[in-house]
Amino acid sequence: MNRNTSSKFINNISPFWISTSVLLITVGLLVVAVLMACEGYYTYSLDDTYIHLSIARNLIQDGIWGVSRGEYVPAASSPLYILLLACAGAWEYAPLLLNIAAGGVILWLASMVLQEQGLSRRWQLGILLVLIFVGPLPLMICCGMEATIQTAITLAFVAVVGKELTCGSKPSGKGLLLLILAVLMCSVRYEGAFVVGVACVLMVLPLEGRKGRWGRAMMLGIAGALPILMYGAISIYNGHHFLPNSIAIKGGLPAMTFGAVKLWIEKVGGRFYTSPFLLHALLAIFFIAWLKLRQQKTIWNIHTVVGLLLGTSMLVHMVLSDVALYRYETYLLIAGFLYVGVGVVPFIRELWGEAVSSRVMLCGIVAIFFVPFVIRTAFFTLNFSRGARNIYEQQIQMARFLELNYHSGSVAANDIGAITYFTRIHLLDVNGIGTTQIVENLVSHGGRFIDKALVSRLAEERKVQIAIVYDVHVGGRIPTDWVRVGTWTIQNNFVCADETVSFYAVRRDEEANLRKCLAEFVPKLPPTVLVQMNLPYNQD
């Protein structure tokens, strides 16, 4: 295909459809890779996906919000995603399909923004392809978490709030839509409150002779806080913390002291060092915002306002939330890349029309900028099926073992997604997210678990029969009268908390049965899982 033919092809077919086709093909290749790695069984590469499915399934079947049958537990900070899964019947493959749909919405929203900015189809296509692979969007889709939906909502919110912030005293006509998006932002993940909060601050800034719009900011803040307040009120009514266990267990907000601020600065600096792509993204966002400020001589232009919104939100996220894999920070990365793409095109055109040295410098800057993103995407793409294989060999096999032998029994564990989704066990989560009493102990001791007697008492109250845990992480919480019967060890671990999981008989009279069940299940395990059986207790 020569250059003229390719230009006609791009001009005749919408960049949205081309990029969507590329996304679907890439997702299809990843799905095939996972199926090949997991003996023909599609497995999500994170056990957290099954936690959301478990809560959705219990909500449908029992009317209870929790990972364990009949027990309310605020185990997740993404209520909207769980409700969507429940609407889809908590079907095992609903996360994949919902994420594919959300991926299409991301590309459609981005395409609308690019068209509105008057970019040529070639530039539109290039930016859309960059969004796909810097996310990396295919990996987000295939892991089945809520990050893809969060990103789609974030793009819509940023586009609408940007117009609202730059409309002056005259209403933008999108006030109701903005309030709805604020509710969605904070209900899909609590981190959405960072972006909503920064938008509220920008609304009240009395800069360049403009009065702060306190009324609009208050309404926006209330809309964003509404799902958090409702979720918290329901949790308190059921005898739990205001915050979900997954957040409460991390200790909440640090104190506003000099020492805390120093720790925040060190934390952000450490994340720039370990994740240089964040620094590159942040610098690019603020550079474009500054460039547009110089060109238009006012802060209240949409490019500068959106840059301040995204850049400040990213800084807040780095201080108060996590940066891991391609989940937590990606909603801001993709929105930031779209913003940078729109802003940098005129700059590139200007430099490209100058001397050869300017072109060489431009190519060098672009290459340096993209290096950490290319490394990040390549690393996780190459290891994606490996991660899915880890979950298949460990969590899925644990779930199959429990489904066969302890389907409605009482079990202690610390990786709780697949084992609660595929069975109807009563759970004691020794790590805390699925059992609030453990969370309370962790919170009251600054994240350090020191009450081993609590685990023993809860196990007795809940009539726990066996435990499946990682000794390396919770060995110090295991009561001395529990008997380790055997272990499973996976190879080439990438995503699991540890390669070895241990099986304990919590009650001595359960040891013989557990030993028998483990021995009978060995032929059903993938051949790469190494099994080790301990001697009976009276022979140890």
Protein backbone atom coordinates (compact mmCIF):
# COMPACT_ATOMS: atom_id res chain seq x y z
CA MET A 1 0.00 0.00 0.00
CA ASN A 2 1.62 3.25 -1.12
CA ARG A 3 1.35 6.58 0.68
CA ASN A 4 -1.53 7.90 -1.45
CA THR A 5 -3.52 4.71 -0.98
CA SER A 6 -3.00 4.76 2.79
CA SER A 7 -4.03 8.44 2.95
CA LYS A 8 -7.24 7.66 1.04
CA PHE A 9 -7.90 4.73 3.36
CA ILE A 10 -7.55 6.91 6.48
CA ASN A 11 -9.67 9.66 4.92
CA ASN A 12 -12.45 7.29 3.89
CA ILE A 13 -12.71 5.37 7.16
CA SER A 14 -13.23 7.03 10.51
CA PRO A 15 -10.16 6.96 12.79
CA PHE A 16 -12.53 5.76 15.52
CA TRP A 17 -13.38 2.59 13.60
CA ILE A 18 -9.75 1.92 12.66
CA SER A 19 -8.57 2.34 16.24
CA THR A 20 -11.48 0.27 17.56
CA SER A 21 -10.53 -2.52 15.17
CA VAL A 22 -6.93 -2.37 16.38
CA LEU A 23 -8.13 -2.51 20.00
CA LEU A 24 -10.41 -5.50 19.37
CA ILE A 25 -7.70 -7.39 17.48
CA THR A 26 -5.21 -6.78 20.29
CA VAL A 27 -7.73 -7.87 22.93
CA GLY A 28 -8.47 -10.96 20.86
CA LEU A 29 -4.78 -11.87 20.72
CA LEU A 30 -4.49 -11.45 24.50
CA VAL A 31 -7.56 -13.63 25.07
CA VAL A 32 -6.05 -16.35 22.86
CA ALA A 33 -2.74 -16.09 24.75
CA VAL A 34 -4.56 -16.50 28.07
CA LEU A 35 -6.57 -19.48 26.79
CA MET A 36 -3.37 -21.17 25.63
CA ALA A 37 -1.65 -20.49 28.96
CA CYS A 38 -4.59 -21.67 31.09
CA GLU A 39 -5.54 -24.98 29.46
CA GLY A 40 -8.38 -23.43 27.45
CA TYR A 41 -9.97 -21.64 30.43
CA TYR A 42 -10.12 -17.82 30.36
CA THR A 43 -8.71 -16.53 33.64
CA TYR A 44 -8.44 -12.93 34.82
CA SER A 45 -4.92 -11.96 35.77
CA LEU A 46 -6.00 -10.47 39.11
CA ASP A 47 -7.91 -12.22 41.89
CA ASP A 48 -9.54 -8.86 42.68
CA THR A 49 -11.79 -9.28 39.64
CA TYR A 50 -13.35 -12.32 41.29
CA ILE A 51 -13.90 -10.31 44.51
CA HIS A 52 -16.14 -7.93 42.56
CA LEU A 53 -17.93 -10.87 40.93
CA SER A 54 -18.39 -12.52 44.32
CA ILE A 55 -20.01 -9.42 45.84
CA ALA A 56 -22.24 -9.04 42.76
CA ARG A 57 -23.28 -12.71 42.93
CA ASN A 58 -24.12 -12.49 46.66
CA LEU A 59 -26.08 -9.28 46.02
CA ILE A 60 -28.19 -11.07 43.40
CA GLN A 61 -28.69 -14.34 45.26
CA ASP A 62 -28.91 -13.21 48.89
CA GLY A 63 -29.50 -9.47 48.75
CA ILE A 64 -26.29 -9.05 50.79
CA TRP A 65 -23.31 -6.85 49.91
CA GLY A 66 -20.31 -8.99 50.81
CA VAL A 67 -17.87 -11.65 49.71
CA SER A 68 -19.15 -14.29 52.12
CA ARG A 69 -22.63 -15.79 52.09
CA GLY A 70 -25.06 -14.00 54.37
CA GLU A 71 -22.55 -11.45 55.75
CA TYR A 72 -22.47 -7.74 54.86
CA VAL A 73 -18.88 -6.60 54.26
CA PRO A 74 -17.82 -3.33 52.51
CA ALA A 75 -14.91 -5.09 50.81
CA ALA A 76 -14.56 -2.90 47.69
CA SER A 77 -14.33 0.81 46.86
CA SER A 78 -16.00 0.56 43.46
CA PRO A 79 -19.76 0.17 44.14
CA LEU A 80 -20.85 1.24 40.66
CA TYR A 81 -18.81 -1.51 39.00
CA ILE A 82 -20.29 -4.13 41.33
CA LEU A 83 -23.81 -2.92 40.51
CA LEU A 84 -23.02 -3.18 36.79
CA LEU A 85 -21.78 -6.74 37.29
CA ALA A 86 -24.94 -7.55 39.22
CA CYS A 87 -27.04 -6.15 36.36
CA ALA A 88 -25.11 -8.52 34.08
CA GLY A 89 -26.04 -11.45 36.32
CA ALA A 90 -22.54 -11.68 37.87
CA TRP A 91 -21.64 -13.82 34.85
CA GLU A 92 -18.03 -14.92 34.87
CA TYR A 93 -17.24 -13.18 31.59
CA ALA A 94 -19.25 -10.02 32.26
CA PRO A 95 -16.11 -8.11 33.38
CA LEU A 96 -14.44 -8.80 30.04
CA LEU A 97 -17.46 -7.73 27.97
CA LEU A 98 -18.14 -4.63 30.09
CA ASN A 99 -14.53 -3.59 29.70
CA ILE A 100 -14.59 -4.10 25.94
CA ALA A 101 -17.65 -1.85 25.75
CA ALA A 102 -15.95 0.74 27.99
CA GLY A 103 -12.85 0.61 25.79
CA GLY A 104 -15.01 1.47 22.79
CA VAL A 105 -16.56 4.38 24.73
CA ILE A 106 -13.07 5.70 25.59
CA LEU A 107 -12.08 5.75 21.92
CA TRP A 108 -15.40 7.31 20.91
CA LEU A 109 -15.10 10.10 23.52
CA ALA A 110 -11.48 10.72 22.57
CA SER A 111 -12.44 10.82 18.89
CA MET A 112 -15.14 13.43 19.65
CA VAL A 113 -12.62 15.60 21.49
CA LEU A 114 -10.09 15.35 18.66
CA GLN A 115 -12.69 16.22 16.03
CA GLU A 116 -13.85 19.19 18.10
CA GLN A 117 -10.27 20.47 18.21
CA GLY A 118 -10.11 20.34 14.41
CA LEU A 119 -7.27 17.79 14.09
CA SER A 120 -6.80 16.00 10.80
CA ARG A 121 -7.84 12.36 10.54
CA ARG A 122 -4.22 11.24 10.45
CA TRP A 123 -3.48 13.02 13.73
CA GLN A 124 -6.70 11.69 15.23
CA LEU A 125 -5.73 8.13 14.35
CA GLY A 126 -2.20 8.54 15.68
CA ILE A 127 -3.38 9.89 19.03
CA LEU A 128 -6.07 7.20 19.37
CA LEU A 129 -3.49 4.47 18.76
CA VAL A 130 -1.19 6.04 21.35
CA LEU A 131 -4.06 6.00 23.87
CA ILE A 132 -4.60 2.31 23.22
CA PHE A 133 -1.03 1.29 23.90
CA VAL A 134 0.13 3.69 26.62
CA GLY A 135 -2.78 2.74 28.89
CA PRO A 136 -2.29 -0.04 28.05
CA LEU A 137 -5.98 -0.30 27.22
CA PRO A 138 -6.01 -3.96 26.03
CA LEU A 139 -4.47 -5.13 29.32
CA MET A 140 -6.95 -3.05 31.32
CA ILE A 141 -9.79 -4.68 29.42
CA CYS A 142 -8.52 -8.23 29.76
CA CYS A 143 -7.82 -8.04 33.51
CA GLY A 144 -11.53 -7.33 34.02
CA MET A 145 -11.28 -4.58 36.64
CA GLU A 146 -13.14 -1.26 36.82
CA ALA A 147 -10.26 0.92 35.55
CA THR A 148 -11.55 0.99 31.95
CA ILE A 149 -15.00 2.20 32.98
CA GLN A 150 -13.38 4.70 35.36
CA THR A 151 -11.29 6.06 32.48
CA ALA A 152 -14.33 6.48 30.22
CA ILE A 153 -16.21 8.40 32.92
CA THR A 154 -13.12 10.52 33.63
CA LEU A 155 -12.80 11.55 29.98
CA ALA A 156 -16.44 12.60 29.90
CA PHE A 157 -16.17 14.48 33.21
CA VAL A 158 -12.99 16.34 32.21
CA ALA A 159 -14.49 17.36 28.85
CA VAL A 160 -17.67 18.72 30.47
CA VAL A 161 -16.04 20.36 33.50
CA GLY A 162 -13.48 22.07 31.22
CA LYS A 163 -16.33 23.83 29.40
CA GLU A 164 -18.03 24.66 32.68
CA LEU A 165 -14.87 26.23 34.10
CA THR A 166 -14.32 28.41 31.03
CA CYS A 167 -17.88 29.52 30.34
CA GLY A 168 -17.61 32.57 32.59
CA SER A 169 -20.76 33.79 34.31
CA LYS A 170 -22.91 32.37 31.53
CA PRO A 171 -24.02 28.77 32.25
CA SER A 172 -22.57 26.12 29.95
CA GLY A 173 -25.90 24.33 29.69
CA LYS A 174 -24.31 21.09 30.90
CA GLY A 175 -24.77 21.57 34.67
CA LEU A 176 -27.01 18.53 35.18
CA LEU A 177 -24.74 16.29 33.09
CA LEU A 178 -21.75 17.47 35.13
CA LEU A 179 -23.47 16.57 38.41
CA ILE A 180 -24.37 13.10 37.09
CA LEU A 181 -20.78 12.54 35.97
CA ALA A 182 -19.51 13.64 39.40
CA VAL A 183 -21.71 10.99 41.02
CA LEU A 184 -20.41 8.37 38.59
CA MET A 185 -16.78 9.49 39.10
CA CYS A 186 -16.90 8.83 42.84
CA SER A 187 -18.99 5.68 42.67
CA VAL A 188 -16.89 3.82 40.11
CA ARG A 189 -13.80 4.33 42.31
CA TYR A 190 -13.27 6.58 45.31
CA GLU A 191 -10.20 8.11 43.61
CA GLY A 192 -12.66 9.97 41.41
CA ALA A 193 -13.09 12.32 44.37
CA PHE A 194 -9.57 13.66 43.66
CA VAL A 195 -10.62 14.98 40.24
CA VAL A 196 -13.98 16.25 41.48
CA GLY A 197 -12.30 17.97 44.43
CA VAL A 198 -9.72 19.71 42.25
CA ALA A 199 -12.50 20.84 39.89
CA CYS A 200 -14.35 22.37 42.86
CA VAL A 201 -11.20 24.26 43.92
CA LEU A 202 -10.74 25.63 40.39
CA MET A 203 -14.34 26.80 40.37
CA VAL A 204 -13.89 28.96 43.45
CA LEU A 205 -10.55 30.53 42.47
CA PRO A 206 -10.99 34.33 42.16
CA LEU A 207 -8.32 34.83 39.49
CA GLU A 208 -7.98 37.56 36.87
CA GLY A 209 -10.86 39.58 38.28
CA ARG A 210 -13.28 36.68 38.09
CA LYS A 211 -15.37 35.87 41.15
CA GLY A 212 -15.34 32.37 42.57
CA ARG A 213 -18.46 30.36 41.75
CA TRP A 214 -19.15 28.95 45.18
CA GLY A 215 -22.69 27.77 44.45
CA ARG A 216 -21.67 25.61 41.47
CA ALA A 217 -18.65 24.29 43.36
CA MET A 218 -20.82 23.29 46.35
CA MET A 219 -23.31 21.49 44.12
CA LEU A 220 -20.50 19.66 42.33
CA GLY A 221 -18.87 18.70 45.63
CA ILE A 222 -22.15 17.44 47.06
CA ALA A 223 -22.80 15.36 43.93
CA GLY A 224 -19.34 13.80 44.17
CA ALA A 225 -19.68 13.15 47.90
CA LEU A 226 -23.16 11.63 47.60
CA PRO A 227 -22.19 8.02 46.66
CA ILE A 228 -19.38 8.00 49.24
CA LEU A 229 -21.74 9.26 51.97
CA MET A 230 -24.44 6.77 51.02
CA TYR A 231 -22.03 3.82 50.94
CA GLY A 232 -20.53 4.93 54.25
CA ALA A 233 -23.94 5.37 55.90
CA ILE A 234 -25.00 1.87 54.83
CA SER A 235 -21.75 0.45 56.18
CA ILE A 236 -22.14 2.21 59.53
CA TYR A 237 -25.77 1.02 59.74
CA ASN A 238 -24.49 -2.54 59.33
CA GLY A 239 -21.87 -2.07 62.06
CA HIS A 240 -18.82 -1.40 59.89
CA HIS A 241 -16.42 1.44 59.16
CA PHE A 242 -17.48 4.45 57.10
CA LEU A 243 -14.76 3.69 54.56
CA PRO A 244 -14.62 0.38 52.66
CA ASN A 245 -12.32 -2.19 54.24
CA SER A 246 -9.92 -1.97 51.30
CA ILE A 247 -9.32 1.70 52.16
CA ALA A 248 -9.65 1.54 55.96
CA ILE A 249 -6.99 -1.17 56.12
CA LYS A 250 -4.49 1.26 54.57
CA GLY A 251 -4.87 3.69 57.43
CA GLY A 252 -6.92 6.52 55.89
CA LEU A 253 -5.59 10.05 55.51
CA PRO A 254 -2.29 10.95 57.20
CA ALA A 255 -2.15 13.76 59.74
CA MET A 256 -1.45 17.30 58.50
CA THR A 257 1.88 17.72 60.28
CA PHE A 258 5.33 18.74 59.10
CA GLY A 259 6.45 15.12 59.36
CA ALA A 260 3.46 13.95 57.32
CA VAL A 261 4.12 16.53 54.59
CA LYS A 262 7.75 15.41 54.50
CA LEU A 263 6.59 11.81 54.06
CA TRP A 264 4.23 12.89 51.26
CA ILE A 265 7.07 14.59 49.41
CA GLU A 266 9.29 11.52 49.84
CA LYS A 267 6.44 9.29 48.66
CA VAL A 268 5.88 11.31 45.48
CA GLY A 269 9.62 11.48 44.83
CA GLY A 270 9.92 7.72 45.31
CA ARG A 271 7.12 7.12 42.84
CA PHE A 272 8.75 9.38 40.26
CA TYR A 273 11.92 7.33 40.71
CA THR A 274 10.30 3.89 40.45
CA SER A 275 7.69 4.96 37.86
CA PRO A 276 9.34 7.58 35.60
CA PHE A 277 6.38 7.51 33.21
CA LEU A 278 4.43 9.44 35.86
CA LEU A 279 7.02 12.21 35.89
CA HIS A 280 7.04 12.37 32.08
CA ALA A 281 3.24 12.57 31.96
CA LEU A 282 3.08 15.24 34.66
CA LEU A 283 5.76 17.40 33.03
CA ALA A 284 4.04 17.12 29.64
CA ILE A 285 0.67 18.11 31.09
CA PHE A 286 2.02 21.16 32.91
CA PHE A 287 4.15 22.16 29.89
CA ILE A 288 1.13 22.23 27.60
CA ALA A 289 -0.87 24.15 30.23
CA TRP A 290 1.93 26.74 30.49
CA LEU A 291 2.27 26.94 26.71
CA LYS A 292 -1.44 27.63 26.25
CA LEU A 293 -1.38 30.16 29.08
CA ARG A 294 1.38 32.11 27.29
CA GLN A 295 -0.44 31.95 23.96
CA GLN A 296 -3.90 32.97 25.16
CA LYS A 297 -2.84 35.34 27.98
CA THR A 298 -5.51 34.03 30.38
CA ILE A 299 -5.73 31.10 32.74
CA TRP A 300 -9.40 30.66 31.87
CA ASN A 301 -8.82 28.97 28.52
CA ILE A 302 -9.92 25.36 28.28
CA HIS A 303 -6.42 23.99 27.58
CA THR A 304 -4.81 25.57 30.65
CA VAL A 305 -7.75 24.76 32.94
CA VAL A 306 -7.86 21.10 31.89
CA GLY A 307 -4.08 20.87 32.27
CA LEU A 308 -4.27 22.25 35.81
CA LEU A 309 -7.14 19.88 36.59
CA LEU A 310 -5.34 16.76 35.35
CA GLY A 311 -1.88 17.67 36.62
CA THR A 312 -3.06 18.58 40.12
CA SER A 313 -5.31 15.50 40.29
CA MET A 314 -2.33 13.32 39.37
CA LEU A 315 -0.24 14.85 42.17
CA VAL A 316 -3.06 14.30 44.67
CA HIS A 317 -3.47 10.72 43.47
CA MET A 318 0.23 10.00 43.92
CA VAL A 319 0.08 11.24 47.52
CA LEU A 320 -3.17 9.62 48.64
CA SER A 321 -3.59 6.52 46.49
CA ASP A 322 -1.72 3.64 44.86
CA VAL A 323 0.35 3.32 41.70
CA ALA A 324 0.42 -0.32 40.67
CA LEU A 325 0.42 -2.44 37.54
CA TYR A 326 -1.78 -0.59 35.03
CA ARG A 327 -4.82 -0.11 37.27
CA TYR A 328 -4.93 2.76 39.70
CA GLU A 329 -3.32 5.64 37.83
CA THR A 330 -4.38 4.82 34.27
CA TYR A 331 -7.58 6.90 34.31
CA LEU A 332 -5.43 10.02 34.64
CA LEU A 333 -2.72 8.81 32.26
CA ILE A 334 -5.10 8.25 29.36
CA ALA A 335 -6.93 11.53 29.99
CA GLY A 336 -3.54 13.24 30.25
CA PHE A 337 -2.30 11.73 27.00
CA LEU A 338 -5.40 12.88 25.16
CA TYR A 339 -4.88 16.38 26.55
CA VAL A 340 -1.17 16.42 25.65
CA GLY A 341 -1.91 15.03 22.19
CA VAL A 342 -4.38 17.84 21.46
CA GLY A 343 -2.03 20.52 22.77
CA VAL A 344 1.23 19.35 21.27
CA VAL A 345 0.14 18.92 17.62
CA PRO A 346 0.51 22.64 16.68
CA PHE A 347 3.89 22.69 18.44
CA ILE A 348 5.08 19.65 16.45
CA ARG A 349 3.86 21.13 13.17
CA GLU A 350 5.75 24.34 13.86
CA LEU A 351 9.02 22.59 14.68
CA TRP A 352 8.68 20.13 11.79
CA GLY A 353 8.52 22.97 9.31
CA GLU A 354 11.86 24.39 10.42
CA ALA A 355 15.44 23.20 9.92
CA VAL A 356 16.53 19.57 9.93
CA SER A 357 18.16 20.09 13.33
CA SER A 358 14.76 21.03 14.76
CA ARG A 359 13.28 17.82 13.39
CA VAL A 360 16.09 15.76 14.90
CA MET A 361 15.62 17.48 18.26
CA LEU A 362 11.87 16.87 18.09
CA CYS A 363 12.34 13.16 17.35
CA GLY A 364 14.77 12.90 20.26
CA ILE A 365 12.37 14.57 22.68
CA VAL A 366 9.49 12.33 21.59
CA ALA A 367 11.66 9.20 21.89
CA ILE A 368 12.87 10.12 25.39
CA PHE A 369 9.32 10.95 26.47
CA PHE A 370 7.89 7.63 25.28
CA VAL A 371 10.68 5.32 26.53
CA PRO A 372 9.21 4.63 30.02
CA PHE A 373 5.74 4.11 28.55
CA VAL A 374 7.03 1.67 25.94
CA ILE A 375 8.95 -0.24 28.60
CA ARG A 376 5.90 -0.32 30.88
CA THR A 377 3.53 -1.52 28.17
CA ALA A 378 5.98 -4.09 26.79
CA PHE A 379 6.78 -5.48 30.23
CA PHE A 380 3.18 -6.03 31.28
CA THR A 381 2.09 -7.26 27.85
CA LEU A 382 4.84 -9.89 27.73
CA ASN A 383 3.93 -11.05 31.24
CA PHE A 384 0.15 -10.83 30.97
CA SER A 385 -0.58 -14.47 30.11
CA ARG A 386 1.99 -15.49 32.73
CA GLY A 387 -0.02 -13.61 35.36
CA ALA A 388 -3.25 -15.25 34.20
CA ARG A 389 -1.51 -18.62 34.40
CA ASN A 390 -0.50 -17.85 38.00
CA ILE A 391 -4.12 -17.14 38.96
CA TYR A 392 -5.28 -20.26 37.11
CA GLU A 393 -2.76 -22.51 38.84
CA GLN A 394 -3.33 -21.08 42.30
CA GLN A 395 -6.64 -19.24 42.93
CA ILE A 396 -8.75 -21.15 40.38
CA GLN A 397 -7.42 -24.50 41.62
CA MET A 398 -8.07 -23.48 45.24
CA ALA A 399 -11.64 -22.61 44.25
CA ARG A 400 -12.10 -25.94 42.45
CA PHE A 401 -10.72 -27.80 45.45
CA LEU A 402 -13.13 -26.04 47.80
CA GLU A 403 -16.06 -26.44 45.41
CA LEU A 404 -15.45 -30.19 45.35
CA ASN A 405 -14.76 -30.74 49.05
CA TYR A 406 -15.92 -27.73 51.14
CA HIS A 407 -18.49 -26.06 48.90
CA SER A 408 -20.58 -24.61 51.75
CA GLY A 409 -18.08 -25.09 54.55
CA SER A 410 -16.29 -22.54 56.70
CA VAL A 411 -12.82 -21.58 55.45
CA ALA A 412 -10.08 -19.15 56.50
CA ALA A 413 -8.05 -17.57 53.70
CA ASN A 414 -6.26 -14.42 52.64
CA ASP A 415 -6.76 -14.41 48.85
CA ILE A 416 -10.52 -14.37 48.72
CA GLY A 417 -11.79 -13.63 45.19
CA ALA A 418 -12.03 -16.86 43.21
CA ILE A 419 -12.67 -19.05 46.27
CA THR A 420 -15.77 -17.03 47.25
CA TYR A 421 -17.08 -16.56 43.71
CA PHE A 422 -16.99 -20.21 42.65
CA THR A 423 -18.19 -21.62 45.99
CA ARG A 424 -20.64 -20.79 48.78
CA ILE A 425 -18.17 -20.95 51.65
CA HIS A 426 -18.39 -18.97 54.87
CA LEU A 427 -15.19 -16.92 54.90
CA LEU A 428 -12.77 -15.81 57.58
CA ASP A 429 -10.36 -13.43 55.85
CA VAL A 430 -7.16 -13.39 57.92
CA ASN A 431 -5.91 -10.51 55.77
CA GLY A 432 -8.87 -8.35 56.69
CA ILE A 433 -10.67 -7.12 53.58
CA GLY A 434 -13.42 -9.73 53.87
CA THR A 435 -13.68 -9.75 57.69
CA THR A 436 -14.24 -6.45 59.46
CA GLN A 437 -13.02 -7.60 62.90
CA ILE A 438 -9.58 -8.19 61.39
CA VAL A 439 -9.69 -4.74 59.76
CA GLU A 440 -10.53 -3.14 63.12
CA ASN A 441 -7.51 -4.84 64.69
CA LEU A 442 -5.24 -3.63 61.90
CA VAL A 443 -6.56 -0.05 62.04
CA SER A 444 -6.28 0.15 65.83
CA HIS A 445 -2.63 -0.96 65.68
CA GLY A 446 -1.48 1.22 62.80
CA GLY A 447 -1.60 -1.56 60.21
CA ARG A 448 0.31 -4.07 62.35
CA PHE A 449 -1.65 -7.20 63.26
CA ILE A 450 -0.70 -8.28 66.78
CA ASP A 451 -3.76 -10.16 68.10
CA LYS A 452 -3.29 -13.79 67.10
CA ALA A 453 -5.91 -14.77 69.67
CA LEU A 454 -8.51 -12.87 67.61
CA VAL A 455 -7.99 -15.21 64.65
CA SER A 456 -8.35 -18.23 66.92
CA ARG A 457 -11.54 -16.85 68.51
CA LEU A 458 -13.12 -15.93 65.15
CA ALA A 459 -12.23 -19.34 63.74
CA GLU A 460 -13.92 -21.01 66.68
CA GLU A 461 -17.01 -18.78 66.48
CA ARG A 462 -17.36 -19.38 62.75
CA LYS A 463 -16.61 -23.10 63.03
CA VAL A 464 -13.78 -22.81 60.50
CA GLN A 465 -12.71 -26.21 59.19
CA ILE A 466 -9.60 -25.44 57.12
CA ALA A 467 -7.36 -22.52 56.19
CA ILE A 468 -5.66 -21.77 52.86
CA VAL A 469 -3.07 -19.03 53.38
CA TYR A 470 0.32 -17.66 52.39
CA ASP A 471 2.65 -18.44 55.30
CA VAL A 472 5.10 -15.75 54.20
CA HIS A 473 2.42 -13.05 54.63
CA VAL A 474 0.18 -14.24 57.46
CA GLY A 475 2.23 -16.91 59.17
CA GLY A 476 2.45 -14.71 62.27
CA ARG A 477 -1.35 -14.67 62.51
CA ILE A 478 -1.78 -18.46 62.38
CA PRO A 479 -2.73 -20.01 65.76
CA THR A 480 -0.26 -22.64 66.97
CA ASP A 481 -2.93 -25.36 67.19
CA TRP A 482 -3.65 -25.25 63.46
CA VAL A 483 -2.02 -28.17 61.65
CA ARG A 484 -0.36 -27.61 58.28
CA VAL A 485 -1.26 -30.57 56.09
CA GLY A 486 0.30 -29.63 52.76
CA THR A 487 1.37 -26.94 50.30
CA TRP A 488 0.96 -26.10 46.63
CA THR A 489 3.72 -24.23 44.83
CA ILE A 490 3.38 -22.63 41.41
CA GLN A 491 6.24 -21.89 39.04
CA ASN A 492 7.29 -18.59 37.46
CA ASN A 493 5.17 -16.43 39.77
CA PHE A 494 4.36 -12.89 38.62
CA VAL A 495 1.11 -11.68 40.22
CA CYS A 496 0.33 -13.93 43.19
CA ALA A 497 1.24 -12.75 46.69
CA ASP A 498 3.52 -15.79 46.99
CA GLU A 499 4.26 -18.88 44.95
CA THR A 500 3.37 -21.22 47.83
CA VAL A 501 -0.01 -21.58 49.50
CA SER A 502 -0.44 -23.71 52.64
CA PHE A 503 -3.41 -25.83 53.71
CA TYR A 504 -4.16 -26.03 57.44
CA ALA A 505 -6.57 -28.18 59.39
CA VAL A 506 -8.03 -25.69 61.85
CA ARG A 507 -9.58 -28.46 63.92
CA ARG A 508 -7.58 -31.58 64.67
CA ASP A 509 -10.51 -33.81 63.72
CA GLU A 510 -10.42 -32.28 60.23
CA GLU A 511 -6.78 -33.20 59.54
CA ALA A 512 -7.43 -36.68 58.16
CA ASN A 513 -10.23 -35.52 55.87
CA LEU A 514 -8.19 -32.59 54.54
CA ARG A 515 -5.24 -34.88 53.90
CA LYS A 516 -7.48 -37.30 52.00
CA CYS A 517 -9.11 -34.52 49.94
CA LEU A 518 -5.74 -33.01 49.00
CA ALA A 519 -4.36 -36.37 47.94
CA GLU A 520 -7.42 -37.10 45.77
CA PHE A 521 -7.23 -33.65 44.14
CA VAL A 522 -3.57 -33.92 43.07
CA PRO A 523 -4.38 -35.58 39.68
CA LYS A 524 -6.72 -32.67 38.87
CA LEU A 525 -4.00 -30.05 39.33
CA PRO A 526 -2.00 -28.65 36.41
CA PRO A 527 1.23 -30.65 36.14
CA THR A 528 3.37 -27.57 36.90
CA VAL A 529 1.95 -27.20 40.44
CA LEU A 530 4.27 -28.79 42.99
CA VAL A 531 2.52 -30.55 45.86
CA GLN A 532 4.10 -31.27 49.22
CA MET A 533 2.30 -33.17 51.99
CA ASN A 534 3.33 -32.83 55.63
CA LEU A 535 3.52 -35.77 57.97
CA PRO A 536 0.42 -36.41 60.10
CA TYR A 537 0.39 -34.35 63.30
CA ASN A 538 1.11 -37.27 65.62
CA GLN A 539 4.14 -38.24 63.45
CA ASP A 540 5.54 -34.68 62.95
